[in-house]
Amino acid sequence: MKRSLDDLLKGIPAQTGNGGKPPQPKGTSGEKRTGPETQLDRITAGAKRVLQEEADERAEKLERLKAAREARDKT
């Protein structure tokens, strides 16, 4: 005898409370921590800051080079 999906789900209560959306994993709600900042958090923030500064410098350099190349090619 084959079981149908309805037979398998008969004993499981209906899910409510999330509006049909998949549940969000814990810790990813976007809220800031209220506890003390750990050393790893400080290191991570510093590394992100350095990477962002380098990316900004690279973008500025590319803009300067692009402007210089366009000025050179106009003549």
N, C-alpha and C. Protein backbone atom coordinates (compact mmCIF):
# COMPACT_ATOMS: atom_id res chain seq x y z
N MET A 1 0.84 -1.18 0.00
CA MET A 1 0.00 0.00 0.00
C MET A 1 0.89 1.25 0.00
N LYS A 2 0.64 2.13 -0.92
CA LYS A 2 1.39 3.38 -1.00
C LYS A 2 0.78 4.40 -0.05
N ARG A 3 1.66 5.11 0.61
CA ARG A 3 1.19 6.18 1.48
C ARG A 3 1.16 7.49 0.69
N SER A 4 0.17 8.27 0.96
CA SER A 4 0.10 9.58 0.31
C SER A 4 0.71 10.63 1.23
N LEU A 5 0.95 11.78 0.70
CA LEU A 5 1.52 12.86 1.48
C LEU A 5 0.60 13.24 2.62
N ASP A 6 -0.69 13.24 2.38
CA ASP A 6 -1.64 13.57 3.44
C ASP A 6 -1.55 12.58 4.58
N ASP A 7 -1.35 11.32 4.29
CA ASP A 7 -1.21 10.32 5.35
C ASP A 7 0.04 10.58 6.18
N LEU A 8 1.13 10.99 5.54
CA LEU A 8 2.37 11.23 6.26
C LEU A 8 2.30 12.49 7.12
N LEU A 9 1.57 13.50 6.64
CA LEU A 9 1.51 14.77 7.34
C LEU A 9 0.36 14.85 8.34
N LYS A 10 -0.41 13.79 8.47
CA LYS A 10 -1.59 13.81 9.31
C LYS A 10 -1.27 14.13 10.77
N GLY A 11 -0.21 13.61 11.30
CA GLY A 11 0.11 13.82 12.71
C GLY A 11 0.93 15.05 13.00
N ILE A 12 1.32 15.81 11.99
CA ILE A 12 2.17 16.99 12.18
C ILE A 12 1.28 18.22 12.30
N PRO A 13 1.45 19.03 13.35
CA PRO A 13 0.62 20.23 13.50
C PRO A 13 0.98 21.27 12.45
N ALA A 14 0.01 22.12 12.13
CA ALA A 14 0.21 23.17 11.14
C ALA A 14 1.20 24.20 11.68
N GLN A 15 2.02 24.74 10.81
CA GLN A 15 2.99 25.76 11.18
C GLN A 15 2.33 27.13 11.09
N THR A 16 2.51 27.94 12.12
CA THR A 16 1.96 29.30 12.12
C THR A 16 2.98 30.25 12.71
N GLY A 17 2.76 31.53 12.50
CA GLY A 17 3.58 32.53 13.16
C GLY A 17 4.64 33.19 12.32
N ASN A 18 4.99 32.65 11.18
CA ASN A 18 6.03 33.30 10.38
C ASN A 18 5.47 33.86 9.07
N GLY A 19 4.19 33.81 8.87
CA GLY A 19 3.57 34.37 7.68
C GLY A 19 3.95 33.65 6.41
N GLY A 20 4.33 32.40 6.51
CA GLY A 20 4.69 31.63 5.33
C GLY A 20 6.10 31.87 4.84
N LYS A 21 6.87 32.69 5.55
CA LYS A 21 8.25 32.96 5.14
C LYS A 21 9.18 31.95 5.81
N PRO A 22 10.30 31.65 5.17
CA PRO A 22 11.25 30.74 5.81
C PRO A 22 11.83 31.40 7.07
N PRO A 23 12.10 30.61 8.08
CA PRO A 23 12.65 31.19 9.31
C PRO A 23 14.04 31.75 9.08
N GLN A 24 14.33 32.84 9.79
CA GLN A 24 15.64 33.47 9.68
C GLN A 24 16.58 32.83 10.69
N PRO A 25 17.79 32.48 10.29
CA PRO A 25 18.73 31.88 11.23
C PRO A 25 19.00 32.82 12.40
N LYS A 26 19.27 32.26 13.54
CA LYS A 26 19.53 33.07 14.72
C LYS A 26 20.85 33.82 14.56
N GLY A 27 20.87 35.03 15.04
CA GLY A 27 22.09 35.82 15.00
C GLY A 27 22.26 36.62 13.72
N THR A 28 21.31 36.58 12.80
CA THR A 28 21.44 37.33 11.55
C THR A 28 20.36 38.38 11.41
N SER A 29 19.80 38.82 12.50
CA SER A 29 18.71 39.79 12.43
C SER A 29 19.21 41.19 12.13
N GLY A 30 20.51 41.40 12.09
CA GLY A 30 21.07 42.71 11.80
C GLY A 30 21.21 43.58 13.04
N GLU A 31 20.88 43.05 14.18
CA GLU A 31 20.99 43.81 15.41
C GLU A 31 22.45 43.83 15.87
N LYS A 32 22.84 44.94 16.45
CA LYS A 32 24.19 45.06 16.99
C LYS A 32 24.26 44.33 18.32
N ARG A 33 25.42 43.82 18.61
CA ARG A 33 25.61 43.17 19.90
C ARG A 33 25.60 44.22 21.01
N THR A 34 25.06 43.84 22.12
CA THR A 34 25.05 44.76 23.25
C THR A 34 26.19 44.46 24.21
N GLY A 35 26.77 43.30 24.09
CA GLY A 35 27.86 42.90 24.97
C GLY A 35 29.17 43.54 24.57
N PRO A 36 30.23 43.25 25.30
CA PRO A 36 31.54 43.82 24.98
C PRO A 36 32.07 43.29 23.65
N GLU A 37 32.83 44.12 22.99
CA GLU A 37 33.41 43.75 21.71
C GLU A 37 34.63 42.85 21.97
N THR A 38 34.69 41.74 21.29
CA THR A 38 35.80 40.83 21.49
C THR A 38 37.00 41.28 20.66
N GLN A 39 38.15 40.69 20.93
CA GLN A 39 39.36 41.03 20.18
C GLN A 39 39.17 40.65 18.71
N LEU A 40 38.52 39.53 18.46
CA LEU A 40 38.27 39.12 17.08
C LEU A 40 37.40 40.14 16.36
N ASP A 41 36.41 40.70 17.04
CA ASP A 41 35.56 41.72 16.43
C ASP A 41 36.38 42.96 16.07
N ARG A 42 37.29 43.36 16.96
CA ARG A 42 38.13 44.53 16.69
C ARG A 42 39.06 44.27 15.51
N ILE A 43 39.65 43.08 15.46
CA ILE A 43 40.55 42.73 14.36
C ILE A 43 39.79 42.71 13.04
N THR A 44 38.61 42.12 13.05
CA THR A 44 37.79 42.04 11.84
C THR A 44 37.42 43.44 11.35
N ALA A 45 37.02 44.31 12.28
CA ALA A 45 36.65 45.67 11.91
C ALA A 45 37.85 46.41 11.32
N GLY A 46 39.02 46.22 11.92
CA GLY A 46 40.23 46.85 11.41
C GLY A 46 40.60 46.36 10.02
N ALA A 47 40.48 45.07 9.81
CA ALA A 47 40.80 44.50 8.49
C ALA A 47 39.82 45.01 7.44
N LYS A 48 38.55 45.08 7.79
CA LYS A 48 37.56 45.60 6.83
C LYS A 48 37.84 47.05 6.50
N ARG A 49 38.24 47.83 7.52
CA ARG A 49 38.55 49.24 7.30
C ARG A 49 39.74 49.39 6.35
N VAL A 50 40.79 48.60 6.56
CA VAL A 50 41.99 48.66 5.71
C VAL A 50 41.64 48.26 4.28
N LEU A 51 40.86 47.20 4.12
CA LEU A 51 40.47 46.77 2.78
C LEU A 51 39.64 47.83 2.07
N GLN A 52 38.75 48.49 2.80
CA GLN A 52 37.92 49.53 2.20
C GLN A 52 38.78 50.73 1.79
N GLU A 53 39.74 51.10 2.64
CA GLU A 53 40.64 52.21 2.30
C GLU A 53 41.44 51.89 1.05
N GLU A 54 41.94 50.66 0.95
CA GLU A 54 42.70 50.26 -0.24
C GLU A 54 41.82 50.27 -1.48
N ALA A 55 40.59 49.83 -1.35
CA ALA A 55 39.67 49.83 -2.49
C ALA A 55 39.37 51.27 -2.93
N ASP A 56 39.21 52.18 -1.97
CA ASP A 56 38.97 53.58 -2.30
C ASP A 56 40.17 54.19 -3.02
N GLU A 57 41.38 53.89 -2.52
CA GLU A 57 42.60 54.40 -3.16
C GLU A 57 42.73 53.86 -4.58
N ARG A 58 42.42 52.57 -4.77
CA ARG A 58 42.48 51.97 -6.10
C ARG A 58 41.49 52.64 -7.04
N ALA A 59 40.29 52.92 -6.55
CA ALA A 59 39.27 53.57 -7.40
C ALA A 59 39.72 54.97 -7.80
N GLU A 60 40.30 55.73 -6.85
CA GLU A 60 40.80 57.06 -7.17
C GLU A 60 41.92 57.00 -8.20
N LYS A 61 42.83 56.04 -8.04
CA LYS A 61 43.94 55.89 -8.98
C LYS A 61 43.42 55.55 -10.37
N LEU A 62 42.45 54.66 -10.44
CA LEU A 62 41.88 54.29 -11.74
C LEU A 62 41.21 55.48 -12.41
N GLU A 63 40.54 56.32 -11.63
CA GLU A 63 39.91 57.52 -12.19
C GLU A 63 40.96 58.48 -12.75
N ARG A 64 42.06 58.68 -11.99
CA ARG A 64 43.14 59.55 -12.46
C ARG A 64 43.75 59.01 -13.75
N LEU A 65 44.02 57.70 -13.78
CA LEU A 65 44.61 57.11 -14.98
C LEU A 65 43.67 57.19 -16.17
N LYS A 66 42.40 56.98 -15.92
CA LYS A 66 41.42 57.05 -17.01
C LYS A 66 41.35 58.47 -17.57
N ALA A 67 41.34 59.46 -16.69
CA ALA A 67 41.31 60.86 -17.15
C ALA A 67 42.58 61.19 -17.93
N ALA A 68 43.73 60.72 -17.45
CA ALA A 68 44.99 60.99 -18.15
C ALA A 68 45.01 60.31 -19.51
N ARG A 69 44.49 59.09 -19.59
CA ARG A 69 44.46 58.35 -20.85
C ARG A 69 43.53 59.06 -21.85
N GLU A 70 42.39 59.54 -21.37
CA GLU A 70 41.46 60.22 -22.25
C GLU A 70 42.06 61.54 -22.76
N ALA A 71 42.76 62.26 -21.86
CA ALA A 71 43.41 63.51 -22.27
C ALA A 71 44.51 63.23 -23.30
N ARG A 72 45.26 62.16 -23.11
CA ARG A 72 46.33 61.81 -24.05
C ARG A 72 45.74 61.43 -25.41
N ASP A 73 44.64 60.69 -25.40
CA ASP A 73 44.07 60.23 -26.67
C ASP A 73 43.34 61.31 -27.43
N LYS A 74 42.99 62.40 -26.79
CA LYS A 74 42.30 63.51 -27.48
C LYS A 74 43.24 64.24 -28.42
N THR A 75 44.54 64.24 -28.11
CA THR A 75 45.48 65.01 -28.93
C THR A 75 45.95 64.24 -30.12
